[in-house]
Protein backbone atom coordinates (compact mmCIF):
# COMPACT_ATOMS: atom_id res chain seq x y z
CA UNK A 1 7.61 5.35 -15.22
CA UNK A 2 10.57 6.14 -12.99
CA UNK A 3 10.80 6.42 -9.20
CA UNK A 4 8.74 9.01 -7.32
CA UNK A 5 10.30 12.49 -7.51
CA UNK A 6 8.18 14.38 -5.00
CA UNK A 7 5.09 14.20 -2.82
CA UNK A 8 2.73 17.19 -2.95
CA UNK A 9 0.60 17.51 0.21
CA UNK A 10 -2.49 19.74 0.40
CA UNK A 11 -4.38 20.32 3.62
CA UNK A 12 -8.17 20.12 3.45
CA UNK A 13 -9.53 20.66 6.96
CA UNK A 14 -9.08 17.42 8.92
CA UNK A 15 -7.72 15.62 5.83
CA UNK A 16 -4.32 15.44 4.12
CA UNK A 17 -4.35 14.97 0.32
CA UNK A 18 -1.07 13.61 -1.06
CA UNK A 19 -0.09 13.35 -4.73
CA UNK A 20 2.95 11.29 -5.72
CA UNK A 21 4.65 12.60 -8.86
CA UNK A 22 7.11 10.67 -11.05
CA UNK A 23 8.65 12.06 -14.26
CA UNK A 24 6.27 15.00 -14.06
CA UNK A 25 3.13 12.82 -13.93
CA UNK A 26 0.74 11.98 -11.11
CA UNK A 27 1.09 8.27 -10.28
CA UNK A 28 -0.60 7.92 -6.88
CA UNK A 29 -3.12 9.85 -4.83
CA UNK A 30 -3.86 9.30 -1.14
CA UNK A 31 -6.28 10.94 1.28
CA UNK A 32 -5.47 10.50 4.96
CA UNK A 33 -7.35 11.83 8.00
CA UNK A 34 -4.90 13.90 10.03
CA UNK A 35 -5.88 11.77 13.01
CA UNK A 36 -8.00 8.65 13.06
CA UNK A 37 -8.94 6.00 15.56
CA UNK A 38 -8.42 2.36 14.69
CA UNK A 39 -5.71 2.85 12.07
CA UNK A 40 -3.86 -0.22 10.68
CA UNK A 41 -0.72 -0.83 12.68
CA UNK A 42 -2.26 0.15 16.02
CA UNK A 43 -1.71 -2.36 18.85
CA UNK A 44 -4.33 -3.26 21.44
CA UNK A 45 -4.88 -5.39 24.48
CA UNK A 46 -8.19 -6.95 23.43
CA UNK A 47 -10.77 -9.04 25.21
CA UNK A 48 -12.43 -11.97 23.39
CA UNK A 49 -16.21 -11.49 23.18
CA UNK A 50 -17.12 -14.73 21.43
CA UNK A 51 -15.86 -17.35 18.99
CA UNK A 52 -17.93 -18.11 15.86
CA UNK A 53 -17.04 -21.53 14.40
CA UNK A 54 -18.80 -20.85 11.08
CA UNK A 55 -16.54 -17.81 10.52
CA UNK A 56 -13.48 -19.53 11.94
CA UNK A 57 -13.00 -16.31 13.80
CA UNK A 58 -13.35 -14.61 17.15
CA UNK A 59 -14.79 -11.19 17.89
CA UNK A 60 -12.46 -9.14 20.07
CA UNK A 61 -13.38 -5.98 21.97
CA UNK A 62 -10.60 -3.41 21.50
CA UNK A 63 -12.42 -0.23 22.51
CA UNK A 64 -13.72 0.83 19.09
CA UNK A 65 -17.36 1.19 18.05
CA UNK A 66 -17.56 -2.44 16.88
CA UNK A 67 -15.64 -5.55 17.96
CA UNK A 68 -12.78 -6.55 15.69
CA UNK A 69 -12.61 -9.89 13.86
CA UNK A 70 -9.67 -12.19 14.55
CA UNK A 71 -9.14 -15.09 12.14
CA UNK A 72 -8.58 -18.32 14.05
CA UNK A 73 -7.23 -21.41 12.27
CA UNK A 74 -7.02 -23.61 15.36
CA UNK A 75 -7.13 -23.46 19.17
CA UNK A 76 -9.96 -20.90 19.49
CA UNK A 77 -9.44 -18.49 22.39
CA UNK A 78 -11.72 -18.69 25.40
CA UNK A 79 -14.41 -16.09 25.87
CA UNK A 80 -13.15 -13.33 28.17
CA UNK A 81 -9.47 -14.06 27.54
CA UNK A 82 -7.12 -11.11 26.91
CA UNK A 83 -5.06 -11.11 23.71
CA UNK A 84 -2.49 -8.71 22.24
CA UNK A 85 -3.69 -7.89 18.71
CA UNK A 86 -2.83 -5.49 15.88
CA UNK A 87 -5.20 -3.92 13.37
CA UNK A 88 -4.42 -5.12 9.83
CA UNK A 89 -7.57 -3.77 8.17
CA UNK A 90 -9.49 -0.69 9.28
CA UNK A 91 -13.22 -0.80 9.97
CA UNK A 92 -15.34 0.00 6.93
CA UNK A 93 -19.07 0.43 6.53
CA UNK A 94 -20.89 -2.04 8.75
CA UNK A 95 -17.77 -4.16 9.28
CA UNK A 96 -15.45 -3.82 12.24
CA UNK A 97 -11.68 -3.85 11.97
CA UNK A 98 -9.72 -7.03 11.29
CA UNK A 99 -6.93 -7.86 13.69
CA UNK A 100 -4.06 -10.33 13.88
CA UNK A 101 -2.01 -11.87 16.66
CA UNK A 102 1.06 -11.58 14.44
CA UNK A 103 2.37 -8.32 15.88
CA UNK A 104 4.82 -6.14 13.96
CA UNK A 105 6.72 -2.89 14.37
CA UNK A 106 7.61 -0.97 11.21
CA UNK A 107 10.80 0.89 10.49
CA UNK A 108 11.98 2.60 7.34
CA UNK A 109 14.09 -0.36 6.20
CA UNK A 110 12.63 -3.36 7.99
CA UNK A 111 9.54 -4.71 9.69
CA UNK A 112 10.30 -6.38 13.02
CA UNK A 113 8.12 -9.37 14.00
CA UNK A 114 8.72 -10.15 17.69
CA UNK A 115 7.08 -13.57 17.49
CA UNK A 116 8.56 -14.49 14.11
CA UNK A 117 11.69 -16.23 12.90
CA UNK A 118 14.27 -15.72 10.19
CA UNK A 119 14.62 -13.07 7.50
CA UNK A 120 12.46 -12.53 4.43
CA UNK A 121 12.21 -9.85 1.74
CA UNK A 122 9.10 -7.80 0.87
CA UNK A 123 7.14 -9.32 -2.00
CA UNK A 124 7.21 -6.13 -4.02
CA UNK A 125 11.00 -6.40 -4.44
CA UNK A 126 11.59 -8.03 -7.83
CA UNK A 127 14.72 -9.63 -9.26
CA UNK A 128 16.45 -12.67 -7.76
CA UNK A 129 19.86 -10.99 -7.43
CA UNK A 130 18.39 -8.00 -5.57
CA UNK A 131 16.25 -10.19 -3.31
CA UNK A 132 19.28 -12.34 -2.47
CA UNK A 133 21.37 -9.26 -1.63
CA UNK A 134 18.67 -7.85 0.68
CA UNK A 135 18.23 -11.26 2.29
CA UNK A 136 21.95 -11.43 3.07
CA UNK A 137 21.96 -7.85 4.41
CA UNK A 138 19.05 -8.67 6.72
CA UNK A 139 20.68 -11.86 8.01
CA UNK A 140 23.93 -10.03 8.81
CA UNK A 141 22.08 -7.26 10.64
CA UNK A 142 19.52 -9.39 12.51
CA UNK A 143 21.56 -10.46 15.59
CA UNK A 144 18.86 -11.74 17.92
CA UNK A 145 15.44 -13.34 18.10
CA UNK A 146 12.30 -12.41 16.25
CA UNK A 147 11.66 -12.20 12.53
CA UNK A 148 12.63 -9.55 10.01
CA UNK A 149 11.06 -8.46 6.72
CA UNK A 150 13.47 -6.34 4.68
CA UNK A 151 11.56 -3.58 2.89
CA UNK A 152 12.15 -2.21 -0.59
CA UNK A 153 13.41 1.04 0.96
CA UNK A 154 16.48 -0.89 2.18
CA UNK A 155 17.86 -1.22 -1.36
CA UNK A 156 20.19 1.76 -0.92
CA UNK A 157 20.68 1.46 2.86
CA UNK A 158 23.97 0.43 4.45
CA UNK A 159 24.24 -2.66 6.62
CA UNK A 160 24.98 -0.40 9.58
CA UNK A 161 21.78 1.59 9.05
CA UNK A 162 19.70 -1.59 8.85
CA UNK A 163 21.34 -3.02 11.99
CA UNK A 164 20.79 0.24 13.91
CA UNK A 165 17.11 0.28 12.97
CA UNK A 166 16.63 -3.34 14.04
CA UNK A 167 18.23 -2.55 17.40
CA UNK A 168 15.96 0.47 17.84
CA UNK A 169 12.86 -1.60 17.00
CA UNK A 170 13.90 -4.27 19.53
CA UNK A 171 14.25 -1.59 22.21
CA UNK A 172 10.86 -0.13 21.29
CA UNK A 173 9.27 -3.58 21.43
CA UNK A 174 10.44 -4.05 25.01
CA UNK A 175 8.35 -1.04 26.06
CA UNK A 176 5.38 -2.08 23.92
CA UNK A 177 5.42 -5.62 25.34
CA UNK A 178 5.33 -4.24 28.88
CA UNK A 179 2.42 -1.98 27.94
CA UNK A 180 0.48 -4.91 26.48
CA UNK A 181 1.17 -6.98 29.60
CA UNK A 182 -0.07 -4.36 32.08
CA UNK A 183 -2.93 -2.73 30.11
CA UNK A 184 -6.51 -3.17 31.31
CA UNK A 185 -8.30 -4.62 28.26
CA UNK A 186 -9.72 -3.28 26.09
CA UNK A 187 -6.98 -0.68 25.65
CA UNK A 188 -4.92 0.87 22.85
CA UNK A 189 -1.20 0.48 23.58
CA UNK A 190 0.25 1.82 20.30
CA UNK A 191 -1.84 4.36 18.35
CA UNK A 192 -0.79 4.60 14.71
CA UNK A 193 -3.41 7.20 13.88
CA UNK A 194 -1.09 10.12 12.95
CA UNK A 195 -1.90 10.74 9.27
CA UNK A 196 1.23 12.78 8.58
CA UNK A 197 3.51 10.10 9.99
CA UNK A 198 1.67 7.45 7.97
CA UNK A 199 2.14 9.43 4.76
CA UNK A 200 5.83 9.96 5.39
CA UNK A 201 6.39 6.28 6.19
CA UNK A 202 4.42 5.31 3.11
CA UNK A 203 6.68 7.44 0.90
CA UNK A 204 9.87 7.00 2.90
CA UNK A 205 11.97 6.71 -0.28
CA UNK A 206 10.66 9.96 -1.80
CA UNK A 207 13.38 12.63 -2.04
CA UNK A 208 11.09 15.62 -1.44
CA UNK A 209 7.81 16.56 0.28
CA UNK A 210 6.10 19.83 -0.72
CA UNK A 211 3.43 21.30 1.61
CA UNK A 212 1.01 24.19 1.24
CA UNK A 213 0.98 24.79 5.00
CA UNK A 214 4.13 26.08 6.79
CA UNK A 215 2.98 24.67 10.14
CA UNK A 216 2.47 21.22 8.66
CA UNK A 217 5.85 21.47 6.94
CA UNK A 218 7.56 22.11 10.28
CA UNK A 219 5.75 19.10 11.73
CA UNK A 220 6.92 17.07 8.72
CA UNK A 221 10.54 18.10 9.32
CA UNK A 222 10.31 16.86 12.90
CA UNK A 223 8.63 13.63 11.74
CA UNK A 224 11.33 13.09 9.10
CA UNK A 225 14.02 13.48 11.75
CA UNK A 226 12.20 11.10 14.10
CA UNK A 227 11.72 8.51 11.34
CA UNK A 228 15.27 8.85 10.02
CA UNK A 229 14.20 10.11 6.58
CA UNK A 230 16.54 12.10 4.36
CA UNK A 231 13.74 13.74 2.35
CA UNK A 232 13.77 17.49 1.79
CA UNK A 233 10.73 19.39 3.10
CA UNK A 234 9.57 22.45 1.14
CA UNK A 235 6.70 24.95 1.38
CA UNK A 236 4.71 26.52 -1.47
CA UNK A 237 2.06 29.03 -0.46
CA UNK A 238 -0.22 31.29 -2.48
CA UNK A 239 -3.08 29.26 -3.87
CA UNK A 240 -4.03 25.66 -4.45
CA UNK A 241 -0.94 23.48 -4.66
CA UNK A 242 -2.56 20.86 -6.90
CA UNK A 243 -3.81 23.46 -9.38
CA UNK A 244 -0.34 24.96 -9.78
CA UNK A 245 1.16 21.55 -10.50
CA UNK A 246 -1.62 20.39 -12.85
CA UNK A 247 -2.76 17.68 -10.44
CA UNK A 248 -6.40 18.75 -10.11
CA UNK A 249 -7.27 17.99 -13.75
CA UNK A 250 -5.64 14.55 -13.60
CA UNK A 251 -7.56 13.72 -10.42
CA UNK A 252 -10.79 14.74 -12.14
CA UNK A 253 -10.06 12.38 -15.04
CA UNK A 254 -9.40 9.54 -12.58
CA UNK A 255 -13.05 9.80 -11.50
CA UNK A 256 -14.27 9.17 -15.05
CA UNK A 257 -15.47 5.75 -16.20
CA UNK A 258 -14.34 6.34 -19.81
CA UNK A 259 -10.90 7.51 -20.97
CA UNK A 260 -9.48 8.20 -24.43
CA UNK A 261 -6.14 6.75 -25.57
CA UNK A 262 -3.65 8.60 -27.83
CA UNK A 263 -4.52 6.38 -30.83
CA UNK A 264 -8.22 7.18 -30.48
CA UNK A 265 -9.08 4.01 -28.60
CA UNK A 266 -11.03 4.12 -25.35
CA UNK A 267 -11.02 2.52 -21.91
CA UNK A 268 -14.17 1.77 -19.95
CA UNK A 269 -13.54 1.07 -16.25
CA UNK A 270 -16.23 -0.40 -14.02
CA UNK A 271 -15.54 -1.34 -10.41
CA UNK A 272 -17.75 -3.58 -8.28
CA UNK A 273 -17.23 -5.09 -4.84
CA UNK A 274 -15.85 -8.31 -6.29
CA UNK A 275 -14.02 -7.30 -9.47
CA UNK A 276 -12.84 -4.41 -11.63
CA UNK A 277 -13.70 -4.85 -15.32
CA UNK A 278 -11.81 -2.85 -17.94
CA UNK A 279 -12.86 -2.86 -21.59
CA UNK A 280 -10.56 -1.71 -24.40
CA UNK A 281 -12.43 -0.28 -27.39
CA UNK A 282 -10.97 0.79 -30.72
CA UNK A 283 -13.09 3.92 -30.63
CA UNK A 284 -13.54 3.79 -34.37
CA UNK A 285 -9.78 4.09 -34.95
CA UNK A 286 -8.02 2.40 -37.88
CA UNK A 287 -8.88 -1.29 -38.05
CA UNK A 288 -6.51 -4.20 -38.56
CA UNK A 289 -4.23 -6.38 -36.44
CA UNK A 290 -1.40 -3.83 -36.25
CA UNK A 291 -3.79 -1.06 -35.17
CA UNK A 292 -5.34 -3.33 -32.56
CA UNK A 293 -1.91 -4.20 -31.19
CA UNK A 294 -0.94 -0.53 -31.00
CA UNK A 295 -4.15 0.30 -29.13
CA UNK A 296 -3.63 -2.63 -26.74
CA UNK A 297 -0.06 -1.56 -25.96
CA UNK A 298 -1.23 1.98 -25.22
CA UNK A 299 -4.03 0.57 -23.09
CA UNK A 300 -1.61 -1.56 -21.04
CA UNK A 301 0.37 1.52 -20.01
CA UNK A 302 -2.74 3.57 -19.19
CA UNK A 303 -4.43 0.71 -17.34
CA UNK A 304 -1.40 0.26 -15.07
CA UNK A 305 -1.43 4.00 -14.39
CA UNK A 306 -5.16 4.13 -13.64
CA UNK A 307 -5.05 1.04 -11.42
CA UNK A 308 -2.32 2.65 -9.33
CA UNK A 309 -3.87 6.12 -9.35
CA UNK A 310 -7.34 4.88 -8.37
CA UNK A 311 -5.86 2.38 -5.90
CA UNK A 312 -7.92 -0.45 -7.38
CA UNK A 313 -7.62 -3.73 -5.52
CA UNK A 314 -8.68 -7.33 -5.88
CA UNK A 315 -9.37 -9.10 -9.18
CA UNK A 316 -8.92 -6.97 -12.32
CA UNK A 317 -10.17 -8.37 -15.64
CA UNK A 318 -9.25 -6.69 -18.92
CA UNK A 319 -10.94 -7.27 -22.27
CA UNK A 320 -8.26 -6.20 -24.75
CA UNK A 321 -8.96 -5.87 -28.46
CA UNK A 322 -8.83 -9.28 -30.11
CA UNK A 323 -5.71 -9.94 -32.20
CA UNK A 324 -5.19 -13.05 -34.35
CA UNK A 325 -1.50 -13.69 -33.71
CA UNK A 326 -0.26 -15.38 -30.51
CA UNK A 327 2.86 -13.23 -30.69
CA UNK A 328 0.65 -10.14 -30.36
CA UNK A 329 -0.86 -11.57 -27.18
CA UNK A 330 2.62 -12.21 -25.85
CA UNK A 331 3.65 -8.61 -26.57
CA UNK A 332 0.58 -7.26 -24.79
CA UNK A 333 1.26 -9.45 -21.75
CA UNK A 334 4.92 -8.34 -21.64
CA UNK A 335 3.82 -4.69 -21.88
CA UNK A 336 1.35 -5.19 -19.05
CA UNK A 337 3.98 -6.82 -16.82
CA UNK A 338 6.45 -3.98 -17.48
CA UNK A 339 3.80 -1.33 -16.86
CA UNK A 340 2.87 -2.62 -13.38
CA UNK A 341 6.49 -2.98 -12.18
CA UNK A 342 6.54 0.57 -10.79
CA UNK A 343 3.49 -0.06 -8.59
CA UNK A 344 4.31 -0.03 -4.86
CA UNK A 345 1.55 -2.56 -4.24
CA UNK A 346 1.97 -6.24 -5.05
CA UNK A 347 0.32 -7.31 -8.33
CA UNK A 348 -0.03 -10.89 -9.52
CA UNK A 349 -0.23 -10.91 -13.32
CA UNK A 350 -2.12 -14.11 -14.13
CA UNK A 351 -2.24 -13.59 -17.89
CA UNK A 352 -4.80 -14.76 -20.41
CA UNK A 353 -7.86 -16.83 -19.53
CA UNK A 354 -9.39 -19.46 -21.81
CA UNK A 355 -12.07 -16.91 -22.66
CA UNK A 356 -9.43 -14.53 -24.02
CA UNK A 357 -9.60 -12.08 -21.11
CA UNK A 358 -6.54 -10.80 -19.25
CA UNK A 359 -6.49 -11.21 -15.48
CA UNK A 360 -4.42 -9.85 -12.60
CA UNK A 361 -4.82 -9.40 -8.85
CA UNK A 362 -3.69 -6.31 -6.96
CA UNK A 363 -3.43 -6.46 -3.18
CA UNK A 364 -6.16 -4.43 -1.51
CA UNK A 365 -4.23 -1.71 0.33
CA UNK A 366 -6.95 -1.28 2.93
CA UNK A 367 -5.97 -4.74 4.17
CA UNK A 368 -2.24 -4.09 4.14
CA UNK A 369 -0.45 -2.83 7.20
CA UNK A 370 0.39 0.85 6.66
CA UNK A 371 -0.28 0.66 2.99
CA UNK A 372 2.60 -1.56 1.90
CA UNK A 373 2.34 -5.06 0.53
CA UNK A 374 4.94 -6.98 2.47
């Protein structure tokens, strides 16, 4: 699967529905509230409510419905103390948000960490040569204190563009730091709740955004200019955008627990809180080692697609069809590794367990700042 070609955005009342298309196929789907409180990336002046030793964490009042949880490794903060914190995981269900004292500001090409040091490269960038080149570009452009994470979007950026963005983020931080210093806790100092801006940052490298709403498209053009994006913004009216592009049917299939493979094999996908289990079944197709290998190779491609499309996170365990030859296992593992390379989110491919299952871990995007695994 190649790079994303376009982002189709449908409006559904207070929600934006975005479909990422690559090589004519849907590869990612995202629903974003047009505006939400307590979004990841938002910065607060928080007040410590209490420290809980058993959790190794402190509850911090930041002005939302429930206090946020701050992980504390050592030196627990005193009750009533005021801390600058940033949401790294939105509130969900009966759990409040999770926050961190490691504050960051995101740009298109880099993430600036005011309290950090040095230059690193986003984990999702693969290839030693490419990582080394981005590392060198970041070190040349840094010029000052703080830490820098060079994002995957910087692959085609010039050194001048990276340096200019770092300078702009430093200038922005000066204002944010003053706001955090003078705010009466609990208070939100930086609200990252604009759903349209989040979508456009998430898909900053996409060459084109297509909207079904002319007003939203105009807002997107202004946001693209503000964020320094070169993406084209287009409008298609006259009916449901997803229906016209064949997205609706694919989304419906992504809700199904059973899928059929081209060879006649089947996938069964079951997701729990702790793990996603995927079973590969021959579906009564031709038996034999070669047929099993063919079904497993098809399954690897479809599993990678479904994991990305459904935004599955955490531990993923796959029960492929059993094959007698070790070389067949090696081919299935290689196919699985190739298939997940296009995923924006970091995936650790752990390989085969002693029980003959295949295991990998995909970063939970709800816990990743602005949707990107850094």
